[in-house]
Structures are given as structure tokens and as C-alpha cells.
Amino acid sequence: MAESRKFDSDLNHNETESPLGKIIIGEHKGKICMVDFKGDRTKKTLKTLSRHYGAKLNRQETPILKKAKKQLSLYFSGRLAKFDLPLDYTGTGFQETIWKQLEKIPFGKTVNYGGVAEKTGNPGAARAVGAAVGSNRISIVIPCHRVIGKDGSLTGFGGGLKRKEWLLAHERAI
């Protein structure tokens, strides 16, 4: 007989439209924990977060999800440059340090992985920074798309390089 798992909270999630396709937004206890383009890894990410929080997956609208949808809509329409959402990071201490540094990258600007490493006191850790950037589950809000290669090339983005290119062009145009 299968053992029933007891959850102490909900991981609420919903989706919104964007010029780049559907975006899945997740929240746990009133804080955003996921903003990602709908795709192959969506279910896996939701399940991973559900296990992390010990939370039941629940597809429903909540006040914080509505606020996130509104801010994403404003961002994509060119009327919002900085998000104001409570975030729940789910990573190691190093990853969270990197993600907080990403939030400081000005709208419409880019930095390279080595630059992020230096700003966090980890010169020479560009590859580790790349791994941390790649594990960001709160895309766009934590602007991992603003991190580029040392030579100025577009490198890695969970939503795909075409979306990264679009986001950067969108921000530069505003």
C-alpha cells in the first residue's frame, strides 16, 4: 500500500502569456520561487520545488501570482524596468550570492561571468558563476539574461539563446 505524503503548504503556480511564449510562475508562502518559460523542464522544476518545500502542487491564482503577472506584462510592454516582488531563492549560499548580484545589473546593461565573479569576491570563479546563473529558477526577475560571455557573445540561457537575444534587445530599445 502506498504511503500518503503529508504536505504542510502549497506551491501555487499559474501561467501567463508573453511575446516569447507562456511563462510559468510559482509561489510558496507569498514569495515568488519560479519564473520560467513553459517547456520541457517545467514539470521537473515544479516537482523539485514541491519536494524542496514539502509543498503540494496547486494550480491556482493567488495575490502574489497576480502581482507577478502584472509586473511581467508591464516589463514586456516596456513600462517596468525593475521588479518589486518578494522572492524565495532556493539554492546554495554561493548561488544566492550570485543571484543577488544579478539583481544589481542595471536594466539594459550586460556583464560577463568573470565580472560577476569579481563583484562577489570570487575572482577566477567564472565557471562556478556560470553554473549558478544557469540554476536560477526566477528568470527575467533575476535577470540572468544580462550575463554574457567575456568576448561579448551570448552564452547559455534556460529559455534559449533566441529568447535571451530578444530580452536584451527589448531592454536596449527602452
Protein backbone atom coordinates (compact mmCIF):
# COMPACT_ATOMS: atom_id res chain seq x y z
CA MET A 1 0.00 0.00 0.00
CA ALA A 2 1.42 3.38 -0.99
CA GLU A 3 2.14 5.75 1.84
CA SER A 4 0.34 9.06 1.55
CA ARG A 5 2.61 12.07 1.82
CA LYS A 6 1.62 14.89 4.13
CA PHE A 7 2.26 18.41 2.88
CA ASP A 8 2.43 21.41 5.17
CA SER A 9 1.96 24.05 2.47
CA ASP A 10 1.08 24.72 -1.15
CA LEU A 11 3.31 25.54 -4.09
CA ASN A 12 0.90 27.61 -6.15
CA HIS A 13 1.59 28.10 -9.82
CA ASN A 14 -0.03 29.52 -12.88
CA GLU A 15 0.94 30.73 -16.32
CA THR A 16 0.91 33.96 -18.26
CA GLU A 17 1.43 34.90 -21.88
CA SER A 18 4.45 36.81 -23.10
CA PRO A 19 5.84 37.81 -26.50
CA LEU A 20 8.24 34.86 -26.07
CA GLY A 21 5.67 32.21 -25.17
CA LYS A 22 3.99 31.04 -22.00
CA ILE A 23 5.70 31.69 -18.68
CA ILE A 24 5.08 29.60 -15.58
CA ILE A 25 5.14 31.49 -12.29
CA GLY A 26 5.33 29.71 -8.93
CA GLU A 27 4.95 30.97 -5.40
CA HIS A 28 5.36 29.47 -1.97
CA LYS A 29 4.03 31.18 1.14
CA GLY A 30 3.61 34.51 -0.62
CA LYS A 31 7.03 34.64 -2.29
CA ILE A 32 7.91 34.03 -5.94
CA CYS A 33 10.10 30.94 -6.34
CA MET A 34 9.79 30.30 -10.08
CA VAL A 35 9.51 32.32 -13.28
CA ASP A 36 10.35 30.21 -16.28
CA PHE A 37 9.35 29.71 -19.88
CA LYS A 38 7.00 26.78 -20.28
CA GLY A 39 8.87 23.87 -21.80
CA ASP A 40 10.47 20.50 -21.29
CA ARG A 41 11.84 21.25 -17.82
CA THR A 42 8.69 22.87 -16.36
CA LYS A 43 7.25 19.75 -14.71
CA LYS A 44 10.64 18.71 -13.35
CA THR A 45 11.24 22.16 -11.84
CA LEU A 46 7.80 22.22 -10.23
CA LYS A 47 8.33 18.74 -8.77
CA THR A 48 11.80 19.68 -7.49
CA LEU A 49 10.42 22.79 -5.79
CA SER A 50 7.50 20.81 -4.39
CA ARG A 51 9.92 18.33 -2.77
CA HIS A 52 12.19 21.14 -1.55
CA TYR A 53 9.34 22.90 0.25
CA GLY A 54 7.38 19.78 1.20
CA ALA A 55 4.52 21.50 -0.59
CA LYS A 56 1.59 20.25 -2.62
CA LEU A 57 1.46 21.50 -6.22
CA ASN A 58 -1.60 23.61 -6.68
CA ARG A 59 -2.52 25.35 -9.93
CA GLN A 60 -4.37 28.43 -8.83
CA GLU A 61 -4.21 32.21 -8.86
CA THR A 62 -3.03 34.00 -5.72
CA PRO A 63 -2.47 37.71 -4.99
CA ILE A 64 1.30 37.41 -5.42
CA LEU A 65 0.92 35.48 -8.69
CA LYS A 66 -1.42 38.22 -9.95
CA LYS A 67 1.16 40.84 -8.95
CA ALA A 68 3.93 38.92 -10.75
CA LYS A 69 1.79 38.57 -13.89
CA LYS A 70 1.05 42.30 -13.86
CA GLN A 71 4.72 43.20 -13.46
CA LEU A 72 5.78 40.80 -16.22
CA SER A 73 3.15 42.34 -18.50
CA LEU A 74 4.48 45.83 -17.70
CA TYR A 75 8.06 44.64 -18.30
CA PHE A 76 7.21 43.19 -21.70
CA SER A 77 5.29 46.34 -22.68
CA GLY A 78 8.35 48.46 -21.83
CA ARG A 79 6.79 50.13 -18.79
CA LEU A 80 8.74 48.37 -16.00
CA ALA A 81 12.50 48.24 -15.57
CA LYS A 82 12.76 46.87 -12.01
CA PHE A 83 10.61 44.20 -10.44
CA ASP A 84 9.23 44.62 -6.93
CA LEU A 85 8.32 41.10 -5.85
CA PRO A 86 9.14 39.11 -2.73
CA LEU A 87 11.47 36.30 -3.82
CA ASP A 88 12.24 32.93 -2.29
CA TYR A 89 15.63 31.76 -3.50
CA THR A 90 16.15 28.00 -3.46
CA GLY A 91 19.86 27.41 -3.79
CA THR A 92 23.16 27.14 -2.01
CA GLY A 93 24.69 30.14 -0.27
CA PHE A 94 27.00 30.69 -3.25
CA GLN A 95 24.13 30.54 -5.74
CA GLU A 96 22.07 33.00 -3.72
CA THR A 97 25.04 35.40 -3.54
CA ILE A 98 25.32 35.26 -7.33
CA TRP A 99 21.58 35.72 -7.87
CA LYS A 100 21.53 38.76 -5.58
CA GLN A 101 24.40 40.19 -7.63
CA LEU A 102 22.43 39.60 -10.83
CA GLU A 103 19.59 41.71 -9.44
CA LYS A 104 22.04 44.64 -9.30
CA ILE A 105 22.78 44.57 -13.04
CA PRO A 106 21.14 47.70 -14.43
CA PHE A 107 18.27 47.37 -16.87
CA GLY A 108 19.55 47.32 -20.44
CA LYS A 109 23.15 46.57 -19.41
CA THR A 110 25.18 43.37 -19.55
CA VAL A 111 28.09 41.95 -17.57
CA ASN A 112 30.25 38.91 -18.14
CA TYR A 113 30.61 35.90 -15.86
CA GLY A 114 34.09 36.97 -14.74
CA GLY A 115 32.76 40.40 -13.80
CA VAL A 116 30.08 38.83 -11.62
CA ALA A 117 32.73 36.60 -10.03
CA GLU A 118 34.88 39.65 -9.20
CA LYS A 119 31.97 41.62 -7.76
CA THR A 120 31.16 38.76 -5.39
CA GLY A 121 34.76 38.45 -4.22
CA ASN A 122 35.41 35.27 -6.19
CA PRO A 123 37.81 36.28 -8.97
CA GLY A 124 38.60 33.33 -11.17
CA ALA A 125 35.27 31.64 -10.43
CA ALA A 126 33.62 32.50 -13.75
CA ARG A 127 32.66 28.86 -14.42
CA ALA A 128 31.10 28.48 -10.97
CA VAL A 129 29.24 31.73 -11.58
CA GLY A 130 28.03 30.29 -14.90
CA ALA A 131 26.68 27.22 -13.11
CA ALA A 132 24.93 29.40 -10.53
CA VAL A 133 23.44 31.63 -13.22
CA GLY A 134 22.24 28.52 -15.06
CA SER A 135 20.44 27.22 -11.98
CA ASN A 136 18.39 30.39 -11.49
CA ARG A 137 14.71 29.42 -11.34
CA ILE A 138 13.41 33.01 -11.28
CA SER A 139 14.23 34.04 -14.83
CA ILE A 140 13.72 37.63 -16.02
CA VAL A 141 13.01 38.87 -12.46
CA ILE A 142 16.53 37.77 -11.50
CA PRO A 143 18.00 38.91 -14.83
CA CYS A 144 20.32 36.06 -15.74
CA HIS A 145 19.80 37.03 -19.39
CA ARG A 146 22.04 40.06 -18.74
CA VAL A 147 25.12 37.87 -18.24
CA ILE A 148 27.17 37.27 -21.39
CA GLY A 149 30.49 35.75 -22.38
CA LYS A 150 33.76 37.62 -21.84
CA ASP A 151 34.02 38.18 -25.60
CA GLY A 152 30.50 39.66 -25.71
CA SER A 153 28.89 36.51 -27.07
CA LEU A 154 25.54 35.27 -25.91
CA THR A 155 26.01 32.12 -23.89
CA GLY A 156 23.64 29.81 -22.09
CA PHE A 157 20.10 30.70 -21.12
CA GLY A 158 17.49 28.22 -19.90
CA GLY A 159 14.86 29.79 -22.16
CA GLY A 160 17.15 29.52 -25.18
CA LEU A 161 19.51 31.96 -26.85
CA LYS A 162 16.83 33.43 -29.15
CA ARG A 163 14.84 34.50 -26.10
CA LYS A 164 17.98 35.87 -24.41
CA GLU A 165 18.75 37.89 -27.54
CA TRP A 166 15.16 39.20 -27.63
CA LEU A 167 15.22 40.21 -23.93
CA LEU A 168 18.49 42.10 -24.33
CA ALA A 169 17.27 43.88 -27.49
CA HIS A 170 13.98 44.70 -25.74
CA GLU A 171 15.79 46.30 -22.81
CA ARG A 172 18.24 48.23 -25.01
CA ALA A 173 15.34 49.65 -27.04
CA ILE A 174 13.68 51.21 -23.99
